Amino acid sequence: MKRQTLEKMGIGIQDVKEVLKTGIKIYEAVDKSLEDDGKISLLEYSNFVPAIMSMRDAINGISEVPKQLADIDEVEAEELKAFMRDELDLNNNATEETIEELFILIMDIFANVMKGVKLIKSL
């Protein structure tokens, strides 16, 4: 039953989200580590634990990411944008906002390109 639902809806974006989450966690760890003195030291290893913990799921699904991105639709692009806004939390709000806006722009462009590709393939 679940397989039929996935086929009707496309293949989903779960693995894309796992990879994105790991990237966000790494960026947040770097941001937090640089906060006090502008350097990353071994004493700040604990900042990287969430990123390390999320890597397993990201690595396990990495081979599915190209397929999921090739199948992305507007609803999934919106879901990824919301995911980014919800997950990313940096100390510098201006930087966070800039990254989120850039990601939204990239997703809009990507979703429209994929829409065009699907249209061309259907002709």
PDB file of N, CA and C in Angstrom:
ATOM      1  N   MET A   1       0.832  -1.195   0.000  1.00  0.00           N
ATOM      2  CA  MET A   1       0.000   0.000   0.000  1.00  0.00           C
ATOM      3  C   MET A   1       0.874   1.256   0.000  1.00  0.00           C
ATOM      4  N   LYS A   2       1.868   1.293   0.884  1.00  0.00           N
ATOM      5  CA  LYS A   2       2.739   2.454   0.969  1.00  0.00           C
ATOM      6  C   LYS A   2       3.494   2.660  -0.344  1.00  0.00           C
ATOM      7  N   ARG A   3       3.944   1.585  -0.969  1.00  0.00           N
ATOM      8  CA  ARG A   3       4.695   1.654  -2.226  1.00  0.00           C
ATOM      9  C   ARG A   3       3.844   2.272  -3.329  1.00  0.00           C
ATOM     10  N   GLN A   4       2.557   1.890  -3.409  1.00  0.00           N
ATOM     11  CA  GLN A   4       1.670   2.456  -4.414  1.00  0.00           C
ATOM     12  C   GLN A   4       1.491   3.954  -4.193  1.00  0.00           C
ATOM     13  N   THR A   5       1.366   4.368  -2.963  1.00  0.00           N
ATOM     14  CA  THR A   5       1.218   5.782  -2.651  1.00  0.00           C
ATOM     15  C   THR A   5       2.460   6.544  -3.078  1.00  0.00           C
ATOM     16  N   LEU A   6       3.637   5.994  -2.801  1.00  0.00           N
ATOM     17  CA  LEU A   6       4.875   6.653  -3.203  1.00  0.00           C
ATOM     18  C   LEU A   6       4.976   6.761  -4.715  1.00  0.00           C
ATOM     19  N   GLU A   7       4.559   5.742  -5.432  1.00  0.00           N
ATOM     20  CA  GLU A   7       4.624   5.768  -6.889  1.00  0.00           C
ATOM     21  C   GLU A   7       3.689   6.827  -7.451  1.00  0.00           C
ATOM     22  N   LYS A   8       2.519   6.968  -6.878  1.00  0.00           N
ATOM     23  CA  LYS A   8       1.569   7.970  -7.345  1.00  0.00           C
ATOM     24  C   LYS A   8       2.080   9.377  -7.047  1.00  0.00           C
ATOM     25  N   MET A   9       2.733   9.545  -5.927  1.00  0.00           N
ATOM     26  CA  MET A   9       3.176  10.854  -5.486  1.00  0.00           C
ATOM     27  C   MET A   9       4.592  11.176  -5.959  1.00  0.00           C
ATOM     28  N   GLY A  10       5.285  10.272  -6.578  1.00  0.00           N
ATOM     29  CA  GLY A  10       6.694  10.462  -6.891  1.00  0.00           C
ATOM     30  C   GLY A  10       7.515   9.719  -5.854  1.00  0.00           C
ATOM     31  N   ILE A  11       8.808   9.925  -5.890  1.00  0.00           N
ATOM     32  CA  ILE A  11       9.661   9.148  -4.989  1.00  0.00           C
ATOM     33  C   ILE A  11       9.988   9.862  -3.687  1.00  0.00           C
ATOM     34  N   GLY A  12       9.580  11.093  -3.546  1.00  0.00           N
ATOM     35  CA  GLY A  12       9.775  11.807  -2.293  1.00  0.00           C
ATOM     36  C   GLY A  12      11.115  12.512  -2.202  1.00  0.00           C
ATOM     37  N   ILE A  13      11.351  13.123  -1.054  1.00  0.00           N
ATOM     38  CA  ILE A  13      12.571  13.924  -0.849  1.00  0.00           C
ATOM     39  C   ILE A  13      13.225  13.650   0.495  1.00  0.00           C
ATOM     40  N   GLN A  14      12.900  12.541   1.131  1.00  0.00           N
ATOM     41  CA  GLN A  14      13.421  12.266   2.474  1.00  0.00           C
ATOM     42  C   GLN A  14      14.945  12.242   2.529  1.00  0.00           C
ATOM     43  N   ASP A  15      15.574  11.622   1.537  1.00  0.00           N
ATOM     44  CA  ASP A  15      17.037  11.546   1.551  1.00  0.00           C
ATOM     45  C   ASP A  15      17.657  12.917   1.284  1.00  0.00           C
ATOM     46  N   VAL A  16      17.013  13.716   0.459  1.00  0.00           N
ATOM     47  CA  VAL A  16      17.479  15.092   0.225  1.00  0.00           C
ATOM     48  C   VAL A  16      17.441  15.862   1.542  1.00  0.00           C
ATOM     49  N   LYS A  17      16.374  15.684   2.304  1.00  0.00           N
ATOM     50  CA  LYS A  17      16.249  16.363   3.596  1.00  0.00           C
ATOM     51  C   LYS A  17      17.327  15.916   4.574  1.00  0.00           C
ATOM     52  N   GLU A  18      17.661  14.617   4.567  1.00  0.00           N
ATOM     53  CA  GLU A  18      18.701  14.117   5.471  1.00  0.00           C
ATOM     54  C   GLU A  18      20.060  14.732   5.135  1.00  0.00           C
ATOM     55  N   VAL A  19      20.376  14.822   3.847  1.00  0.00           N
ATOM     56  CA  VAL A  19      21.643  15.434   3.433  1.00  0.00           C
ATOM     57  C   VAL A  19      21.636  16.917   3.766  1.00  0.00           C
ATOM     58  N   LEU A  20      20.522  17.584   3.501  1.00  0.00           N
ATOM     59  CA  LEU A  20      20.396  19.007   3.823  1.00  0.00           C
ATOM     60  C   LEU A  20      20.545  19.238   5.323  1.00  0.00           C
ATOM     61  N   LYS A  21      19.919  18.375   6.121  1.00  0.00           N
ATOM     62  CA  LYS A  21      20.004  18.504   7.580  1.00  0.00           C
ATOM     63  C   LYS A  21      21.449  18.387   8.061  1.00  0.00           C
ATOM     64  N   THR A  22      22.190  17.442   7.494  1.00  0.00           N
ATOM     65  CA  THR A  22      23.591  17.280   7.878  1.00  0.00           C
ATOM     66  C   THR A  22      24.397  18.519   7.504  1.00  0.00           C
ATOM     67  N   GLY A  23      24.169  19.039   6.312  1.00  0.00           N
ATOM     68  CA  GLY A  23      24.856  20.265   5.906  1.00  0.00           C
ATOM     69  C   GLY A  23      24.540  21.429   6.833  1.00  0.00           C
ATOM     70  N   ILE A  24      23.288  21.542   7.221  1.00  0.00           N
ATOM     71  CA  ILE A  24      22.875  22.605   8.144  1.00  0.00           C
ATOM     72  C   ILE A  24      23.570  22.422   9.491  1.00  0.00           C
ATOM     73  N   LYS A  25      23.592  21.207  10.002  1.00  0.00           N
ATOM     74  CA  LYS A  25      24.231  20.936  11.304  1.00  0.00           C
ATOM     75  C   LYS A  25      25.729  21.259  11.268  1.00  0.00           C
ATOM     76  N   ILE A  26      26.390  20.942  10.154  1.00  0.00           N
ATOM     77  CA  ILE A  26      27.811  21.282  10.029  1.00  0.00           C
ATOM     78  C   ILE A  26      27.987  22.792  10.032  1.00  0.00           C
ATOM     79  N   TYR A  27      27.176  23.495   9.261  1.00  0.00           N
ATOM     80  CA  TYR A  27      27.261  24.955   9.190  1.00  0.00           C
ATOM     81  C   TYR A  27      27.002  25.578  10.559  1.00  0.00           C
ATOM     82  N   GLU A  28      26.000  25.064  11.273  1.00  0.00           N
ATOM     83  CA  GLU A  28      25.698  25.580  12.608  1.00  0.00           C
ATOM     84  C   GLU A  28      26.848  25.331  13.574  1.00  0.00           C
ATOM     85  N   ALA A  29      27.489  24.174  13.474  1.00  0.00           N
ATOM     86  CA  ALA A  29      28.619  23.855  14.351  1.00  0.00           C
ATOM     87  C   ALA A  29      29.784  24.808  14.097  1.00  0.00           C
ATOM     88  N   VAL A  30      30.064  25.064  12.845  1.00  0.00           N
ATOM     89  CA  VAL A  30      31.129  26.017  12.504  1.00  0.00           C
ATOM     90  C   VAL A  30      30.760  27.407  13.022  1.00  0.00           C
ATOM     91  N   ASP A  31      29.531  27.820  12.797  1.00  0.00           N
ATOM     92  CA  ASP A  31      29.058  29.133  13.248  1.00  0.00           C
ATOM     93  C   ASP A  31      29.211  29.277  14.767  1.00  0.00           C
ATOM     94  N   LYS A  32      28.787  28.265  15.497  1.00  0.00           N
ATOM     95  CA  LYS A  32      28.871  28.306  16.961  1.00  0.00           C
ATOM     96  C   LYS A  32      30.325  28.311  17.440  1.00  0.00           C
ATOM     97  N   SER A  33      31.164  27.529  16.769  1.00  0.00           N
ATOM     98  CA  SER A  33      32.572  27.453  17.163  1.00  0.00           C
ATOM     99  C   SER A  33      33.318  28.763  16.896  1.00  0.00           C
ATOM    100  N   LEU A  34      32.952  29.444  15.855  1.00  0.00           N
ATOM    101  CA  LEU A  34      33.616  30.708  15.510  1.00  0.00           C
ATOM    102  C   LEU A  34      33.102  31.896  16.317  1.00  0.00           C
ATOM    103  N   GLU A  35      32.017  31.715  17.010  1.00  0.00           N
ATOM    104  CA  GLU A  35      31.327  32.801  17.696  1.00  0.00           C
ATOM    105  C   GLU A  35      32.225  33.602  18.657  1.00  0.00           C
ATOM    106  N   ASP A  36      32.967  32.928  19.521  1.00  0.00           N
ATOM    107  CA  ASP A  36      33.718  33.630  20.561  1.00  0.00           C
ATOM    108  C   ASP A  36      35.024  34.251  20.078  1.00  0.00           C
ATOM    109  N   ASP A  37      35.846  33.432  19.405  1.00  0.00           N
ATOM    110  CA  ASP A  37      37.188  33.915  19.070  1.00  0.00           C
ATOM    111  C   ASP A  37      37.519  33.860  17.586  1.00  0.00           C
ATOM    112  N   GLY A  38      36.553  33.472  16.777  1.00  0.00           N
ATOM    113  CA  GLY A  38      36.785  33.402  15.342  1.00  0.00           C
ATOM    114  C   GLY A  38      37.614  32.199  14.911  1.00  0.00           C
ATOM    115  N   LYS A  39      37.802  31.246  15.822  1.00  0.00           N
ATOM    116  CA  LYS A  39      38.606  30.055  15.527  1.00  0.00           C
ATOM    117  C   LYS A  39      37.853  28.801  15.956  1.00  0.00           C
ATOM    118  N   ILE A  40      38.229  27.696  15.341  1.00  0.00           N
ATOM    119  CA  ILE A  40      37.693  26.398  15.736  1.00  0.00           C
ATOM    120  C   ILE A  40      38.810  25.631  16.438  1.00  0.00           C
ATOM    121  N   SER A  41      38.534  25.194  17.659  1.00  0.00           N
ATOM    122  CA  SER A  41      39.542  24.447  18.409  1.00  0.00           C
ATOM    123  C   SER A  41      39.000  23.059  18.755  1.00  0.00           C
ATOM    124  N   LEU A  42      39.888  22.190  19.168  1.00  0.00           N
ATOM    125  CA  LEU A  42      39.490  20.841  19.559  1.00  0.00           C
ATOM    126  C   LEU A  42      38.533  20.848  20.747  1.00  0.00           C
ATOM    127  N   LEU A  43      38.617  21.868  21.567  1.00  0.00           N
ATOM    128  CA  LEU A  43      37.743  21.948  22.736  1.00  0.00           C
ATOM    129  C   LEU A  43      36.282  22.172  22.353  1.00  0.00           C
ATOM    130  N   GLU A  44      36.045  22.546  21.113  1.00  0.00           N
ATOM    131  CA  GLU A  44      34.680  22.815  20.651  1.00  0.00           C
ATOM    132  C   GLU A  44      34.085  21.626  19.897  1.00  0.00           C
ATOM    133  N   TYR A  45      34.680  20.459  20.075  1.00  0.00           N
ATOM    134  CA  TYR A  45      34.219  19.260  19.367  1.00  0.00           C
ATOM    135  C   TYR A  45      32.742  18.982  19.616  1.00  0.00           C
ATOM    136  N   SER A  46      32.262  19.321  20.808  1.00  0.00           N
ATOM    137  CA  SER A  46      30.859  19.019  21.129  1.00  0.00           C
ATOM    138  C   SER A  46      29.884  19.761  20.213  1.00  0.00           C
ATOM    139  N   ASN A  47      30.331  20.875  19.631  1.00  0.00           N
ATOM    140  CA  ASN A  47      29.466  21.597  18.696  1.00  0.00           C
ATOM    141  C   ASN A  47      29.170  20.759  17.453  1.00  0.00           C
ATOM    142  N   PHE A  48      30.049  19.817  17.147  1.00  0.00           N
ATOM    143  CA  PHE A  48      29.926  19.025  15.923  1.00  0.00           C
ATOM    144  C   PHE A  48      29.198  17.697  16.129  1.00  0.00           C
ATOM    145  N   VAL A  49      28.866  17.355  17.369  1.00  0.00           N
ATOM    146  CA  VAL A  49      28.193  16.086  17.653  1.00  0.00           C
ATOM    147  C   VAL A  49      26.864  15.958  16.894  1.00  0.00           C
ATOM    148  N   PRO A  50      25.988  16.978  16.890  1.00  0.00           N
ATOM    149  CA  PRO A  50      24.736  16.821  16.124  1.00  0.00           C
ATOM    150  C   PRO A  50      24.980  16.551  14.635  1.00  0.00           C
ATOM    151  N   ALA A  51      25.991  17.199  14.061  1.00  0.00           N
ATOM    152  CA  ALA A  51      26.304  16.961  12.647  1.00  0.00           C
ATOM    153  C   ALA A  51      26.781  15.537  12.432  1.00  0.00           C
ATOM    154  N   ILE A  52      27.642  15.073  13.309  1.00  0.00           N
ATOM    155  CA  ILE A  52      28.166  13.715  13.194  1.00  0.00           C
ATOM    156  C   ILE A  52      27.036  12.691  13.344  1.00  0.00           C
ATOM    157  N   MET A  53      26.131  12.945  14.268  1.00  0.00           N
ATOM    158  CA  MET A  53      25.014  12.029  14.502  1.00  0.00           C
ATOM    159  C   MET A  53      24.074  11.953  13.291  1.00  0.00           C
ATOM    160  N   SER A  54      23.939  13.038  12.545  1.00  0.00           N
ATOM    161  CA  SER A  54      23.030  13.040  11.396  1.00  0.00           C
ATOM    162  C   SER A  54      23.685  12.498  10.126  1.00  0.00           C
ATOM    163  N   MET A  55      24.988  12.298  10.150  1.00  0.00           N
ATOM    164  CA  MET A  55      25.700  11.850   8.949  1.00  0.00           C
ATOM    165  C   MET A  55      25.311  10.443   8.510  1.00  0.00           C
ATOM    166  N   ARG A  56      25.023   9.558   9.441  1.00  0.00           N
ATOM    167  CA  ARG A  56      24.698   8.179   9.081  1.00  0.00           C
ATOM    168  C   ARG A  56      23.510   8.125   8.127  1.00  0.00           C
ATOM    169  N   ASP A  57      22.432   8.815   8.495  1.00  0.00           N
ATOM    170  CA  ASP A  57      21.241   8.810   7.644  1.00  0.00           C
ATOM    171  C   ASP A  57      21.520   9.480   6.304  1.00  0.00           C
ATOM    172  N   ALA A  58      22.301  10.548   6.320  1.00  0.00           N
ATOM    173  CA  ALA A  58      22.630  11.245   5.076  1.00  0.00           C
ATOM    174  C   ALA A  58      23.456  10.351   4.154  1.00  0.00           C
ATOM    175  N   ILE A  59      24.430   9.677   4.712  1.00  0.00           N
ATOM    176  CA  ILE A  59      25.297   8.810   3.907  1.00  0.00           C
ATOM    177  C   ILE A  59      24.509   7.601   3.375  1.00  0.00           C
ATOM    178  N   ASN A  60      23.659   7.041   4.205  1.00  0.00           N
ATOM    179  CA  ASN A  60      22.866   5.877   3.773  1.00  0.00           C
ATOM    180  C   ASN A  60      21.968   6.188   2.583  1.00  0.00           C
ATOM    181  N   GLY A  61      21.459   7.408   2.509  1.00  0.00           N
ATOM    182  CA  GLY A  61      20.530   7.752   1.437  1.00  0.00           C
ATOM    183  C   GLY A  61      21.109   8.589   0.324  1.00  0.00           C
ATOM    184  N   ILE A  62      22.417   8.849   0.362  1.00  0.00           N
ATOM    185  CA  ILE A  62      23.029   9.772  -0.595  1.00  0.00           C
ATOM    186  C   ILE A  62      22.839   9.325  -2.041  1.00  0.00           C
ATOM    187  N   SER A  63      22.809   8.026  -2.296  1.00  0.00           N
ATOM    188  CA  SER A  63      22.665   7.546  -3.677  1.00  0.00           C
ATOM    189  C   SER A  63      21.270   7.838  -4.247  1.00  0.00           C
ATOM    190  N   GLU A  64      20.300   8.062  -3.383  1.00  0.00           N
ATOM    191  CA  GLU A  64      18.935   8.356  -3.827  1.00  0.00           C
ATOM    192  C   GLU A  64      18.712   9.840  -4.128  1.00  0.00           C
ATOM    193  N   VAL A  65      19.601  10.693  -3.644  1.00  0.00           N
ATOM    194  CA  VAL A  65      19.419  12.142  -3.775  1.00  0.00           C
ATOM    195  C   VAL A  65      19.285  12.589  -5.233  1.00  0.00           C
ATOM    196  N   PRO A  66      20.159  12.164  -6.151  1.00  0.00           N
ATOM    197  CA  PRO A  66      19.988  12.605  -7.543  1.00  0.00           C
ATOM    198  C   PRO A  66      18.620  12.223  -8.129  1.00  0.00           C
ATOM    199  N   LYS A  67      18.146  11.008  -7.815  1.00  0.00           N
ATOM    200  CA  LYS A  67      16.833  10.567  -8.307  1.00  0.00           C
ATOM    201  C   LYS A  67      15.719  11.422  -7.710  1.00  0.00           C
ATOM    202  N   GLN A  68      15.835  11.710  -6.424  1.00  0.00           N
ATOM    203  CA  GLN A  68      14.802  12.503  -5.766  1.00  0.00           C
ATOM    204  C   GLN A  68      14.793  13.936  -6.294  1.00  0.00           C
ATOM    205  N   LEU A  69      15.966  14.494  -6.534  1.00  0.00           N
ATOM    206  CA  LEU A  69      16.027  15.846  -7.085  1.00  0.00           C
ATOM    207  C   LEU A  69      15.495  15.883  -8.519  1.00  0.00           C
ATOM    208  N   ALA A  70      15.758  14.837  -9.286  1.00  0.00           N
ATOM    209  CA  ALA A  70      15.270  14.786 -10.663  1.00  0.00           C
ATOM    210  C   ALA A  70      13.750  14.680 -10.713  1.00  0.00           C
ATOM    211  N   ASP A  71      13.155  14.195  -9.633  1.00  0.00           N
ATOM    212  CA  ASP A  71      11.706  13.997  -9.570  1.00  0.00           C
ATOM    213  C   ASP A  71      10.992  15.100  -8.783  1.00  0.00           C
ATOM    214  N   ILE A  72      11.705  16.119  -8.372  1.00  0.00           N
ATOM    215  CA  ILE A  72      11.129  17.138  -7.484  1.00  0.00           C
ATOM    216  C   ILE A  72      10.011  17.912  -8.183  1.00  0.00           C
ATOM    217  N   ASP A  73       8.989  18.232  -7.414  1.00  0.00           N
ATOM    218  CA  ASP A  73       7.912  19.066  -7.940  1.00  0.00           C
ATOM    219  C   ASP A  73       7.796  20.320  -7.073  1.00  0.00           C
ATOM    220  N   GLU A  74       6.855  21.186  -7.402  1.00  0.00           N
ATOM    221  CA  GLU A  74       6.719  22.465  -6.687  1.00  0.00           C
ATOM    222  C   GLU A  74       6.380  22.267  -5.208  1.00  0.00           C
ATOM    223  N   VAL A  75       5.552  21.296  -4.910  1.00  0.00           N
ATOM    224  CA  VAL A  75       5.166  21.029  -3.511  1.00  0.00           C
ATOM    225  C   VAL A  75       6.391  20.596  -2.706  1.00  0.00           C
ATOM    226  N   GLU A  76       7.197  19.710  -3.289  1.00  0.00           N
ATOM    227  CA  GLU A  76       8.407  19.244  -2.601  1.00  0.00           C
ATOM    228  C   GLU A  76       9.431  20.369  -2.460  1.00  0.00           C
ATOM    229  N   ALA A  77       9.524  21.234  -3.464  1.00  0.00           N
ATOM    230  CA  ALA A  77      10.426  22.388  -3.370  1.00  0.00           C
ATOM    231  C   ALA A  77       9.999  23.292  -2.221  1.00  0.00           C
ATOM    232  N   GLU A  78       8.703  23.495  -2.074  1.00  0.00           N
ATOM    233  CA  GLU A  78       8.192  24.301  -0.957  1.00  0.00           C
ATOM    234  C   GLU A  78       8.485  23.629   0.376  1.00  0.00           C
ATOM    235  N   GLU A  79       8.370  22.309   0.397  1.00  0.00           N
ATOM    236  CA  GLU A  79       8.664  21.553   1.618  1.00  0.00           C
ATOM    237  C   GLU A  79      10.136  21.706   2.007  1.00  0.00           C
ATOM    238  N   LEU A  80      11.035  21.663   1.025  1.00  0.00           N
ATOM    239  CA  LEU A  80      12.463  21.836   1.308  1.00  0.00           C
ATOM    240  C   LEU A  80      12.763  23.249   1.795  1.00  0.00           C
ATOM    241  N   LYS A  81      12.097  24.234   1.223  1.00  0.00           N
ATOM    242  CA  LYS A  81      12.302  25.625   1.674  1.00  0.00           C
ATOM    243  C   LYS A  81      11.854  25.781   3.123  1.00  0.00           C
ATOM    244  N   ALA A  82      10.695  25.226   3.452  1.00  0.00           N
ATOM    245  CA  ALA A  82      10.198  25.294   4.834  1.00  0.00           C
ATOM    246  C   ALA A  82      11.132  24.541   5.777  1.00  0.00           C
ATOM    247  N   PHE A  83      11.634  23.403   5.324  1.00  0.00           N
ATOM    248  CA  PHE A  83      12.571  22.612   6.124  1.00  0.00           C
ATOM    249  C   PHE A  83      13.817  23.435   6.440  1.00  0.00           C
ATOM    250  N   MET A  84      14.354  24.109   5.435  1.00  0.00           N
ATOM    251  CA  MET A  84      15.542  24.947   5.630  1.00  0.00           C
ATOM    252  C   MET A  84      15.261  26.059   6.637  1.00  0.00           C
ATOM    253  N   ARG A  85      14.138  26.737   6.466  1.00  0.00           N
ATOM    254  CA  ARG A  85      13.794  27.831   7.396  1.00  0.00           C
ATOM    255  C   ARG A  85      13.638  27.322   8.824  1.00  0.00           C
ATOM    256  N   ASP A  86      13.034  26.131   8.968  1.00  0.00           N
ATOM    257  CA  ASP A  86      12.801  25.569  10.307  1.00  0.00           C
ATOM    258  C   ASP A  86      14.089  25.064  10.962  1.00  0.00           C
ATOM    259  N   GLU A  87      14.971  24.474  10.177  1.00  0.00           N
ATOM    260  CA  GLU A  87      16.165  23.819  10.725  1.00  0.00           C
ATOM    261  C   GLU A  87      17.343  24.762  10.962  1.00  0.00           C
ATOM    262  N   LEU A  88      17.559  25.713  10.061  1.00  0.00           N
ATOM    263  CA  LEU A  88      18.748  26.572  10.152  1.00  0.00           C
ATOM    264  C   LEU A  88      18.593  27.577  11.287  1.00  0.00           C
ATOM    265  N   ASP A  89      19.584  27.622  12.175  1.00  0.00           N
ATOM    266  CA  ASP A  89      19.563  28.551  13.303  1.00  0.00           C
ATOM    267  C   ASP A  89      20.993  29.006  13.572  1.00  0.00           C
ATOM    268  N   LEU A  90      21.330  30.174  13.037  1.00  0.00           N
ATOM    269  CA  LEU A  90      22.676  30.712  13.214  1.00  0.00           C
ATOM    270  C   LEU A  90      22.676  31.841  14.228  1.00  0.00           C
ATOM    271  N   ASN A  91      23.854  32.135  14.754  1.00  0.00           N
ATOM    272  CA  ASN A  91      23.988  33.239  15.700  1.00  0.00           C
ATOM    273  C   ASN A  91      23.771  34.584  15.019  1.00  0.00           C
ATOM    274  N   ASN A  92      24.200  34.697  13.789  1.00  0.00           N
ATOM    275  CA  ASN A  92      24.051  35.931  13.030  1.00  0.00           C
ATOM    276  C   ASN A  92      22.762  35.846  12.206  1.00  0.00           C
ATOM    277  N   ASN A  93      21.741  36.575  12.647  1.00  0.00           N
ATOM    278  CA  ASN A  93      20.444  36.499  11.978  1.00  0.00           C
ATOM    279  C   ASN A  93      20.484  37.007  10.543  1.00  0.00           C
ATOM    280  N   ALA A  94      21.315  37.999  10.277  1.00  0.00           N
ATOM    281  CA  ALA A  94      21.428  38.521   8.909  1.00  0.00           C
ATOM    282  C   ALA A  94      22.009  37.459   7.984  1.00  0.00           C
ATOM    283  N   THR A  95      23.020  36.744   8.446  1.00  0.00           N
ATOM    284  CA  THR A  95      23.607  35.665   7.649  1.00  0.00           C
ATOM    285  C   THR A  95      22.593  34.548   7.445  1.00  0.00           C
ATOM    286  N   GLU A  96      21.891  34.207   8.494  1.00  0.00           N
ATOM    287  CA  GLU A  96      20.862  33.161   8.400  1.00  0.00           C
ATOM    288  C   GLU A  96      19.810  33.535   7.357  1.00  0.00           C
ATOM    289  N   GLU A  97      19.345  34.764   7.415  1.00  0.00           N
ATOM    290  CA  GLU A  97      18.327  35.235   6.468  1.00  0.00           C
ATOM    291  C   GLU A  97      18.852  35.207   5.033  1.00  0.00           C
ATOM    292  N   THR A  98      20.100  35.618   4.845  1.00  0.00           N
ATOM    293  CA  THR A  98      20.698  35.616   3.511  1.00  0.00           C
ATOM    294  C   THR A  98      20.789  34.189   2.959  1.00  0.00           C
ATOM    295  N   ILE A  99      21.229  33.261   3.790  1.00  0.00           N
ATOM    296  CA  ILE A  99      21.339  31.858   3.361  1.00  0.00           C
ATOM    297  C   ILE A  99      19.962  31.300   3.016  1.00  0.00           C
ATOM    298  N   GLU A 100      18.978  31.593   3.844  1.00  0.00           N
ATOM    299  CA  GLU A 100      17.626  31.101   3.582  1.00  0.00           C
ATOM    300  C   GLU A 100      17.075  31.682   2.284  1.00  0.00           C
ATOM    301  N   GLU A 101      17.281  32.984   2.058  1.00  0.00           N
ATOM    302  CA  GLU A 101      16.801  33.610   0.828  1.00  0.00           C
ATOM    303  C   GLU A 101      17.497  33.028  -0.393  1.00  0.00           C
ATOM    304  N   LEU A 102      18.782  32.776  -0.284  1.00  0.00           N
ATOM    305  CA  LEU A 102      19.526  32.178  -1.392  1.00  0.00           C
ATOM    306  C   LEU A 102      19.024  30.763  -1.674  1.00  0.00           C
ATOM    307  N   PHE A 103      18.794  29.991  -0.634  1.00  0.00           N
ATOM    308  CA  PHE A 103      18.277  28.639  -0.809  1.00  0.00           C
ATOM    309  C   PHE A 103      16.904  28.668  -1.468  1.00  0.00           C
ATOM    310  N   ILE A 104      16.049  29.586  -1.050  1.00  0.00           N
ATOM    311  CA  ILE A 104      14.717  29.715  -1.646  1.00  0.00           C
ATOM    312  C   ILE A 104      14.833  30.040  -3.134  1.00  0.00           C
ATOM    313  N   LEU A 105      15.713  30.949  -3.480  1.00  0.00           N
ATOM    314  CA  LEU A 105      15.930  31.304  -4.882  1.00  0.00           C
ATOM    315  C   LEU A 105      16.413  30.090  -5.682  1.00  0.00           C
ATOM    316  N   ILE A 106      17.377  29.370  -5.138  1.00  0.00           N
ATOM    317  CA  ILE A 106      17.903  28.181  -5.818  1.00  0.00           C
ATOM    318  C   ILE A 106      16.795  27.139  -6.003  1.00  0.00           C
ATOM    319  N   MET A 107      15.988  26.914  -4.982  1.00  0.00           N
ATOM    320  CA  MET A 107      14.907  25.928  -5.092  1.00  0.00           C
ATOM    321  C   MET A 107      13.867  26.362  -6.117  1.00  0.00           C
ATOM    322  N   ASP A 108      13.546  27.646  -6.156  1.00  0.00           N
ATOM    323  CA  ASP A 108      12.592  28.142  -7.157  1.00  0.00           C
ATOM    324  C   ASP A 108      13.119  27.908  -8.570  1.00  0.00           C
ATOM    325  N   ILE A 109      14.377  28.239  -8.786  1.00  0.00           N
ATOM    326  CA  ILE A 109      14.982  28.032 -10.104  1.00  0.00           C
ATOM    327  C   ILE A 109      15.004  26.544 -10.437  1.00  0.00           C
ATOM    328  N   PHE A 110      15.466  25.736  -9.497  1.00  0.00           N
ATOM    329  CA  PHE A 110      15.576  24.294  -9.728  1.00  0.00           C
ATOM    330  C   PHE A 110      14.210  23.680 -10.027  1.00  0.00           C
ATOM    331  N   ALA A 111      13.188  24.024  -9.238  1.00  0.00           N
ATOM    332  CA  ALA A 111      11.849  23.461  -9.444  1.00  0.00           C
ATOM    333  C   ALA A 111      11.310  23.853 -10.814  1.00  0.00           C
ATOM    334  N   ASN A 112      11.559  25.081 -11.239  1.00  0.00           N
ATOM    335  CA  ASN A 112      11.088  25.510 -12.551  1.00  0.00           C
ATOM    336  C   ASN A 112      11.845  24.823 -13.683  1.00  0.00           C
ATOM    337  N   VAL A 113      13.134  24.618 -13.512  1.00  0.00           N
ATOM    338  CA  VAL A 113      13.910  23.888 -14.518  1.00  0.00           C
ATOM    339  C   VAL A 113      13.381  22.464 -14.634  1.00  0.00           C
ATOM    340  N   MET A 114      13.153  21.807 -13.495  1.00  0.00           N
ATOM    341  CA  MET A 114      12.655  20.438 -13.522  1.00  0.00           C
ATOM    342  C   MET A 114      11.252  20.374 -14.134  1.00  0.00           C
ATOM    343  N   LYS A 115      10.456  21.368 -13.882  1.00  0.00           N
ATOM    344  CA  LYS A 115       9.119  21.439 -14.486  1.00  0.00           C
ATOM    345  C   LYS A 115       9.253  21.522 -16.009  1.00  0.00           C
ATOM    346  N   GLY A 116      10.191  22.329 -16.489  1.00  0.00           N
ATOM    347  CA  GLY A 116      10.431  22.446 -17.921  1.00  0.00           C
ATOM    348  C   GLY A 116      10.950  21.145 -18.524  1.00  0.00           C
ATOM    349  N   VAL A 117      11.847  20.468 -17.814  1.00  0.00           N
ATOM    350  CA  VAL A 117      12.373  19.181 -18.279  1.00  0.00           C
ATOM    351  C   VAL A 117      11.246  18.161 -18.404  1.00  0.00           C
ATOM    352  N   LYS A 118      10.392  18.105 -17.390  1.00  0.00           N
ATOM    353  CA  LYS A 118       9.274  17.157 -17.420  1.00  0.00           C
ATOM    354  C   LYS A 118       8.319  17.484 -18.563  1.00  0.00           C
ATOM    355  N   LEU A 119       8.094  18.757 -18.810  1.00  0.00           N
ATOM    356  CA  LEU A 119       7.238  19.176 -19.918  1.00  0.00           C
ATOM    357  C   LEU A 119       7.818  18.744 -21.251  1.00  0.00           C
ATOM    358  N   ILE A 120       9.103  18.975 -21.434  1.00  0.00           N
ATOM    359  CA  ILE A 120       9.773  18.591 -22.684  1.00  0.00           C
ATOM    360  C   ILE A 120       9.725  17.080 -22.873  1.00  0.00           C
ATOM    361  N   LYS A 121       9.961  16.337 -21.800  1.00  0.00           N
ATOM    362  CA  LYS A 121       9.925  14.868 -21.897  1.00  0.00           C
ATOM    363  C   LYS A 121       8.535  14.354 -22.249  1.00  0.00           C
ATOM    364  N   SER A 122       7.503  15.083 -21.869  1.00  0.00           N
ATOM    365  CA  SER A 122       6.144  14.629 -22.136  1.00  0.00           C
ATOM    366  C   SER A 122       5.699  14.901 -23.568  1.00  0.00           C
ATOM    367  N   LEU A 123       6.460  15.678 -24.305  1.00  0.00           N
ATOM    368  CA  LEU A 123       6.078  15.999 -25.690  1.00  0.00           C
ATOM    369  C   LEU A 123       6.359  14.870 -26.637  1.00  0.00           C
TER     370      LEU A 123
END
